[in-house]
């Protein structure tokens, strides 16, 4: 499961996909829109969303981020 942000101004109809050629890999749990797919024989894949990272630290953890001589 991934946390994502997206604005669906358009969407691919999953029924229009040939299941023999393309595997559906990502489906939004909220609105069931198709967010990702990969080709079964060609090295092709796509996703339509913005992945959100884990919460970031608010303070540096190493001294390499400070300036000084």
PDB file of N, CA and C in Angstrom:
ATOM      1  N   UNK A   1       0.834  -1.148   0.000  1.00  0.00           N
ATOM      2  CA  UNK A   1       0.000   0.000   0.000  1.00  0.00           C
ATOM      3  C   UNK A   1       0.893   1.230   0.000  1.00  0.00           C
ATOM      4  N   UNK A   2       0.518   2.234  -0.773  1.00  0.00           N
ATOM      5  CA  UNK A   2       1.247   3.492  -0.841  1.00  0.00           C
ATOM      6  C   UNK A   2       0.291   4.629  -0.559  1.00  0.00           C
ATOM      7  N   UNK A   3       0.797   5.677   0.095  1.00  0.00           N
ATOM      8  CA  UNK A   3       0.012   6.883   0.305  1.00  0.00           C
ATOM      9  C   UNK A   3       0.317   7.804  -0.862  1.00  0.00           C
ATOM     10  N   UNK A   4      -0.720   8.255  -1.553  1.00  0.00           N
ATOM     11  CA  UNK A   4      -0.531   9.054  -2.757  1.00  0.00           C
ATOM     12  C   UNK A   4      -1.441  10.272  -2.741  1.00  0.00           C
ATOM     13  N   UNK A   5      -1.077  11.239  -3.572  1.00  0.00           N
ATOM     14  CA  UNK A   5      -1.924  12.398  -3.831  1.00  0.00           C
ATOM     15  C   UNK A   5      -2.130  12.471  -5.331  1.00  0.00           C
ATOM     16  N   UNK A   6      -3.337  12.798  -5.731  1.00  0.00           N
ATOM     17  CA  UNK A   6      -3.611  12.871  -7.158  1.00  0.00           C
ATOM     18  C   UNK A   6      -4.838  13.723  -7.431  1.00  0.00           C
ATOM     19  N   UNK A   7      -4.903  14.255  -8.614  1.00  0.00           N
ATOM     20  CA  UNK A   7      -6.086  14.948  -9.111  1.00  0.00           C
ATOM     21  C   UNK A   7      -6.492  14.224 -10.369  1.00  0.00           C
ATOM     22  N   UNK A   8      -7.611  13.544 -10.328  1.00  0.00           N
ATOM     23  CA  UNK A   8      -8.039  12.770 -11.490  1.00  0.00           C
ATOM     24  C   UNK A   8      -8.858  13.641 -12.431  1.00  0.00           C
ATOM     25  N   UNK A   9      -8.189  14.272 -13.369  1.00  0.00           N
ATOM     26  CA  UNK A   9      -8.884  15.013 -14.416  1.00  0.00           C
ATOM     27  C   UNK A   9      -9.244  14.073 -15.554  1.00  0.00           C
ATOM     28  N   UNK A  10      -8.613  12.933 -15.584  1.00  0.00           N
ATOM     29  CA  UNK A  10      -8.909  11.896 -16.573  1.00  0.00           C
ATOM     30  C   UNK A  10      -8.527  10.561 -15.956  1.00  0.00           C
ATOM     31  N   UNK A  11      -9.055   9.498 -16.506  1.00  0.00           N
ATOM     32  CA  UNK A  11      -8.743   8.166 -15.989  1.00  0.00           C
ATOM     33  C   UNK A  11      -8.847   7.155 -17.119  1.00  0.00           C
ATOM     34  N   UNK A  12      -8.067   6.087 -17.015  1.00  0.00           N
ATOM     35  CA  UNK A  12      -8.130   4.986 -17.976  1.00  0.00           C
ATOM     36  C   UNK A  12      -9.224   4.028 -17.511  1.00  0.00           C
ATOM     37  N   UNK A  13     -10.101   3.653 -18.407  1.00  0.00           N
ATOM     38  CA  UNK A  13     -11.149   2.686 -18.104  1.00  0.00           C
ATOM     39  C   UNK A  13     -10.509   1.297 -18.066  1.00  0.00           C
ATOM     40  N   UNK A  14     -10.478   0.631 -16.910  1.00  0.00           N
ATOM     41  CA  UNK A  14      -9.843  -0.692 -16.824  1.00  0.00           C
ATOM     42  C   UNK A  14     -10.438  -1.704 -17.801  1.00  0.00           C
ATOM     43  N   UNK A  15     -11.709  -1.538 -18.157  1.00  0.00           N
ATOM     44  CA  UNK A  15     -12.338  -2.454 -19.113  1.00  0.00           C
ATOM     45  C   UNK A  15     -11.789  -2.287 -20.530  1.00  0.00           C
ATOM     46  N   UNK A  16     -11.091  -1.175 -20.780  1.00  0.00           N
ATOM     47  CA  UNK A  16     -10.519  -0.955 -22.111  1.00  0.00           C
ATOM     48  C   UNK A  16      -9.136  -1.588 -22.262  1.00  0.00           C
ATOM     49  N   UNK A  17      -8.609  -2.165 -21.180  1.00  0.00           N
ATOM     50  CA  UNK A  17      -7.268  -2.759 -21.173  1.00  0.00           C
ATOM     51  C   UNK A  17      -7.357  -4.237 -21.530  1.00  0.00           C
ATOM     52  N   UNK A  18      -6.484  -4.665 -22.434  1.00  0.00           N
ATOM     53  CA  UNK A  18      -6.392  -6.080 -22.791  1.00  0.00           C
ATOM     54  C   UNK A  18      -5.609  -6.796 -21.690  1.00  0.00           C
ATOM     55  N   UNK A  19      -6.287  -7.593 -20.883  1.00  0.00           N
ATOM     56  CA  UNK A  19      -5.661  -8.271 -19.746  1.00  0.00           C
ATOM     57  C   UNK A  19      -4.595  -9.277 -20.160  1.00  0.00           C
ATOM     58  N   UNK A  20      -4.600  -9.708 -21.416  1.00  0.00           N
ATOM     59  CA  UNK A  20      -3.551 -10.614 -21.895  1.00  0.00           C
ATOM     60  C   UNK A  20      -2.242  -9.873 -22.134  1.00  0.00           C
ATOM     61  N   UNK A  21      -2.318  -8.563 -22.305  1.00  0.00           N
ATOM     62  CA  UNK A  21      -1.126  -7.768 -22.591  1.00  0.00           C
ATOM     63  C   UNK A  21      -0.674  -6.907 -21.416  1.00  0.00           C
ATOM     64  N   UNK A  22      -1.628  -6.461 -20.594  1.00  0.00           N
ATOM     65  CA  UNK A  22      -1.322  -5.489 -19.546  1.00  0.00           C
ATOM     66  C   UNK A  22      -1.863  -5.969 -18.205  1.00  0.00           C
ATOM     67  N   UNK A  23      -1.027  -5.850 -17.167  1.00  0.00           N
ATOM     68  CA  UNK A  23      -1.435  -6.180 -15.797  1.00  0.00           C
ATOM     69  C   UNK A  23      -1.736  -4.876 -15.056  1.00  0.00           C
ATOM     70  N   UNK A  24      -2.890  -4.792 -14.413  1.00  0.00           N
ATOM     71  CA  UNK A  24      -3.225  -3.643 -13.591  1.00  0.00           C
ATOM     72  C   UNK A  24      -2.499  -3.797 -12.262  1.00  0.00           C
ATOM     73  N   UNK A  25      -1.687  -2.813 -11.896  1.00  0.00           N
ATOM     74  CA  UNK A  25      -0.834  -2.943 -10.716  1.00  0.00           C
ATOM     75  C   UNK A  25      -1.219  -2.026  -9.563  1.00  0.00           C
ATOM     76  N   UNK A  26      -1.870  -0.899  -9.848  1.00  0.00           N
ATOM     77  CA  UNK A  26      -2.223   0.057  -8.799  1.00  0.00           C
ATOM     78  C   UNK A  26      -3.657   0.532  -9.010  1.00  0.00           C
ATOM     79  N   UNK A  27      -4.495   0.344  -7.986  1.00  0.00           N
ATOM     80  CA  UNK A  27      -5.883   0.811  -8.019  1.00  0.00           C
ATOM     81  C   UNK A  27      -6.127   1.626  -6.755  1.00  0.00           C
ATOM     82  N   UNK A  28      -6.679   2.823  -6.912  1.00  0.00           N
ATOM     83  CA  UNK A  28      -6.957   3.690  -5.779  1.00  0.00           C
ATOM     84  C   UNK A  28      -8.026   3.059  -4.894  1.00  0.00           C
ATOM     85  N   UNK A  29      -7.776   2.981  -3.590  1.00  0.00           N
ATOM     86  CA  UNK A  29      -8.718   2.361  -2.662  1.00  0.00           C
ATOM     87  C   UNK A  29      -9.946   3.230  -2.407  1.00  0.00           C
ATOM     88  N   UNK A  30      -9.819   4.535  -2.620  1.00  0.00           N
ATOM     89  CA  UNK A  30     -10.934   5.435  -2.358  1.00  0.00           C
ATOM     90  C   UNK A  30     -11.947   5.466  -3.494  1.00  0.00           C
ATOM     91  N   UNK A  31     -11.473   5.618  -4.719  1.00  0.00           N
ATOM     92  CA  UNK A  31     -12.418   5.771  -5.832  1.00  0.00           C
ATOM     93  C   UNK A  31     -12.270   4.701  -6.917  1.00  0.00           C
ATOM     94  N   UNK A  32     -11.416   3.720  -6.676  1.00  0.00           N
ATOM     95  CA  UNK A  32     -11.214   2.583  -7.577  1.00  0.00           C
ATOM     96  C   UNK A  32     -10.705   2.966  -8.969  1.00  0.00           C
ATOM     97  N   UNK A  33     -10.096   4.133  -9.105  1.00  0.00           N
ATOM     98  CA  UNK A  33      -9.516   4.499 -10.395  1.00  0.00           C
ATOM     99  C   UNK A  33      -8.204   3.758 -10.598  1.00  0.00           C
ATOM    100  N   UNK A  34      -7.907   3.479 -11.831  1.00  0.00           N
ATOM    101  CA  UNK A  34      -6.666   2.801 -12.197  1.00  0.00           C
ATOM    102  C   UNK A  34      -5.515   3.790 -12.085  1.00  0.00           C
ATOM    103  N   UNK A  35      -4.500   3.436 -11.299  1.00  0.00           N
ATOM    104  CA  UNK A  35      -3.354   4.319 -11.099  1.00  0.00           C
ATOM    105  C   UNK A  35      -2.052   3.755 -11.634  1.00  0.00           C
ATOM    106  N   UNK A  36      -2.010   2.471 -11.985  1.00  0.00           N
ATOM    107  CA  UNK A  36      -0.768   1.913 -12.488  1.00  0.00           C
ATOM    108  C   UNK A  36      -0.993   0.620 -13.239  1.00  0.00           C
ATOM    109  N   UNK A  37      -0.096   0.379 -14.205  1.00  0.00           N
ATOM    110  CA  UNK A  37      -0.164  -0.854 -14.984  1.00  0.00           C
ATOM    111  C   UNK A  37       1.214  -1.159 -15.561  1.00  0.00           C
ATOM    112  N   UNK A  38       1.411  -2.423 -15.943  1.00  0.00           N
ATOM    113  CA  UNK A  38       2.657  -2.820 -16.595  1.00  0.00           C
ATOM    114  C   UNK A  38       2.328  -3.782 -17.730  1.00  0.00           C
ATOM    115  N   UNK A  39       3.151  -3.724 -18.763  1.00  0.00           N
ATOM    116  CA  UNK A  39       2.983  -4.623 -19.910  1.00  0.00           C
ATOM    117  C   UNK A  39       3.529  -5.992 -19.517  1.00  0.00           C
ATOM    118  N   UNK A  40       2.874  -7.032 -19.958  1.00  0.00           N
ATOM    119  CA  UNK A  40       3.268  -8.389 -19.560  1.00  0.00           C
ATOM    120  C   UNK A  40       4.512  -8.906 -20.277  1.00  0.00           C
ATOM    121  N   UNK A  41       4.806  -8.423 -21.491  1.00  0.00           N
ATOM    122  CA  UNK A  41       5.961  -8.940 -22.231  1.00  0.00           C
ATOM    123  C   UNK A  41       6.999  -7.877 -22.563  1.00  0.00           C
ATOM    124  N   UNK A  42       6.616  -6.619 -22.580  1.00  0.00           N
ATOM    125  CA  UNK A  42       7.556  -5.535 -22.876  1.00  0.00           C
ATOM    126  C   UNK A  42       7.967  -4.848 -21.576  1.00  0.00           C
ATOM    127  N   UNK A  43       9.149  -4.257 -21.535  1.00  0.00           N
ATOM    128  CA  UNK A  43       9.602  -3.591 -20.307  1.00  0.00           C
ATOM    129  C   UNK A  43       8.974  -2.203 -20.164  1.00  0.00           C
ATOM    130  N   UNK A  44       7.641  -2.158 -20.031  1.00  0.00           N
ATOM    131  CA  UNK A  44       6.906  -0.898 -19.928  1.00  0.00           C
ATOM    132  C   UNK A  44       6.021  -0.897 -18.694  1.00  0.00           C
ATOM    133  N   UNK A  45       5.973   0.220 -17.997  1.00  0.00           N
ATOM    134  CA  UNK A  45       5.047   0.383 -16.881  1.00  0.00           C
ATOM    135  C   UNK A  45       4.720   1.866 -16.741  1.00  0.00           C
ATOM    136  N   UNK A  46       3.649   2.162 -16.047  1.00  0.00           N
ATOM    137  CA  UNK A  46       3.262   3.545 -15.818  1.00  0.00           C
ATOM    138  C   UNK A  46       2.478   3.656 -14.520  1.00  0.00           C
ATOM    139  N   UNK A  47       2.569   4.808 -13.878  1.00  0.00           N
ATOM    140  CA  UNK A  47       1.736   5.127 -12.724  1.00  0.00           C
ATOM    141  C   UNK A  47       1.237   6.559 -12.891  1.00  0.00           C
ATOM    142  N   UNK A  48       0.066   6.830 -12.335  1.00  0.00           N
ATOM    143  CA  UNK A  48      -0.484   8.175 -12.365  1.00  0.00           C
ATOM    144  C   UNK A  48      -0.847   8.579 -10.946  1.00  0.00           C
ATOM    145  N   UNK A  49       0.132   9.067 -10.220  1.00  0.00           N
ATOM    146  CA  UNK A  49      -0.077   9.603  -8.875  1.00  0.00           C
ATOM    147  C   UNK A  49       1.222  10.211  -8.396  1.00  0.00           C
ATOM    148  N   UNK A  50       1.167  10.894  -7.288  1.00  0.00           N
ATOM    149  CA  UNK A  50       2.354  11.476  -6.663  1.00  0.00           C
ATOM    150  C   UNK A  50       2.587  10.733  -5.359  1.00  0.00           C
ATOM    151  N   UNK A  51       3.616   9.877  -5.300  1.00  0.00           N
ATOM    152  CA  UNK A  51       3.872   9.155  -4.044  1.00  0.00           C
ATOM    153  C   UNK A  51       4.297  10.123  -2.941  1.00  0.00           C
ATOM    154  N   UNK A  52       3.868   9.840  -1.751  1.00  0.00           N
ATOM    155  CA  UNK A  52       4.227  10.666  -0.603  1.00  0.00           C
ATOM    156  C   UNK A  52       5.241   9.921   0.251  1.00  0.00           C
ATOM    157  N   UNK A  53       6.352  10.592   0.611  1.00  0.00           N
ATOM    158  CA  UNK A  53       7.378   9.939   1.433  1.00  0.00           C
ATOM    159  C   UNK A  53       6.936   9.843   2.888  1.00  0.00           C
ATOM    160  N   UNK A  54       7.709   9.102   3.645  1.00  0.00           N
ATOM    161  CA  UNK A  54       7.497   9.054   5.090  1.00  0.00           C
ATOM    162  C   UNK A  54       7.800  10.426   5.666  1.00  0.00           C
ATOM    163  N   UNK A  55       7.277  10.748   6.821  1.00  0.00           N
ATOM    164  CA  UNK A  55       7.583  12.043   7.436  1.00  0.00           C
ATOM    165  C   UNK A  55       9.094  12.241   7.570  1.00  0.00           C
ATOM    166  N   UNK A  56       9.548  13.411   7.228  1.00  0.00           N
ATOM    167  CA  UNK A  56      10.984  13.719   7.259  1.00  0.00           C
ATOM    168  C   UNK A  56      11.394  14.237   8.631  1.00  0.00           C
ATOM    169  N   UNK A  57      12.662  14.069   8.938  1.00  0.00           N
ATOM    170  CA  UNK A  57      13.193  14.630  10.175  1.00  0.00           C
ATOM    171  C   UNK A  57      13.226  16.153  10.044  1.00  0.00           C
ATOM    172  N   UNK A  58      13.060  16.829  11.143  1.00  0.00           N
ATOM    173  CA  UNK A  58      13.057  18.293  11.116  1.00  0.00           C
ATOM    174  C   UNK A  58      14.403  18.880  11.493  1.00  0.00           C
ATOM    175  N   UNK A  59      15.320  18.047  11.976  1.00  0.00           N
ATOM    176  CA  UNK A  59      16.644  18.543  12.342  1.00  0.00           C
ATOM    177  C   UNK A  59      17.698  17.673  11.680  1.00  0.00           C
ATOM    178  N   UNK A  60      18.838  18.264  11.341  1.00  0.00           N
ATOM    179  CA  UNK A  60      19.918  17.464  10.740  1.00  0.00           C
ATOM    180  C   UNK A  60      20.432  16.408  11.710  1.00  0.00           C
ATOM    181  N   UNK A  61      20.853  15.285  11.176  1.00  0.00           N
ATOM    182  CA  UNK A  61      21.367  14.222  12.031  1.00  0.00           C
ATOM    183  C   UNK A  61      22.880  14.109  11.979  1.00  0.00           C
ATOM    184  N   UNK A  62      23.516  14.847  11.059  1.00  0.00           N
ATOM    185  CA  UNK A  62      24.985  14.818  10.967  1.00  0.00           C
ATOM    186  C   UNK A  62      25.528  16.231  10.918  1.00  0.00           C
ATOM    187  N   UNK A  63      26.782  16.381  11.237  1.00  0.00           N
ATOM    188  CA  UNK A  63      27.403  17.712  11.210  1.00  0.00           C
ATOM    189  C   UNK A  63      27.732  18.152   9.793  1.00  0.00           C
ATOM    190  N   UNK A  64      27.600  17.278   8.814  1.00  0.00           N
ATOM    191  CA  UNK A  64      27.942  17.654   7.434  1.00  0.00           C
ATOM    192  C   UNK A  64      26.971  18.680   6.881  1.00  0.00           C
ATOM    193  N   UNK A  65      25.851  18.921   7.552  1.00  0.00           N
ATOM    194  CA  UNK A  65      24.899  19.909   7.070  1.00  0.00           C
ATOM    195  C   UNK A  65      25.165  21.299   7.622  1.00  0.00           C
ATOM    196  N   UNK A  66      26.163  21.426   8.521  1.00  0.00           N
ATOM    197  CA  UNK A  66      26.476  22.738   9.075  1.00  0.00           C
ATOM    198  C   UNK A  66      27.686  23.308   8.362  1.00  0.00           C
ATOM    199  N   UNK A  67      27.755  24.624   8.325  1.00  0.00           N
ATOM    200  CA  UNK A  67      28.913  25.266   7.680  1.00  0.00           C
ATOM    201  C   UNK A  67      29.930  25.648   8.745  1.00  0.00           C
ATOM    202  N   UNK A  68      31.138  25.805   8.322  1.00  0.00           N
ATOM    203  CA  UNK A  68      32.177  26.182   9.266  1.00  0.00           C
ATOM    204  C   UNK A  68      33.531  25.784   8.715  1.00  0.00           C
ATOM    205  N   UNK A  69      34.551  26.366   9.325  1.00  0.00           N
ATOM    206  CA  UNK A  69      35.892  26.085   8.857  1.00  0.00           C
ATOM    207  C   UNK A  69      36.668  25.278   9.861  1.00  0.00           C
TER     208      UNK A  69
END
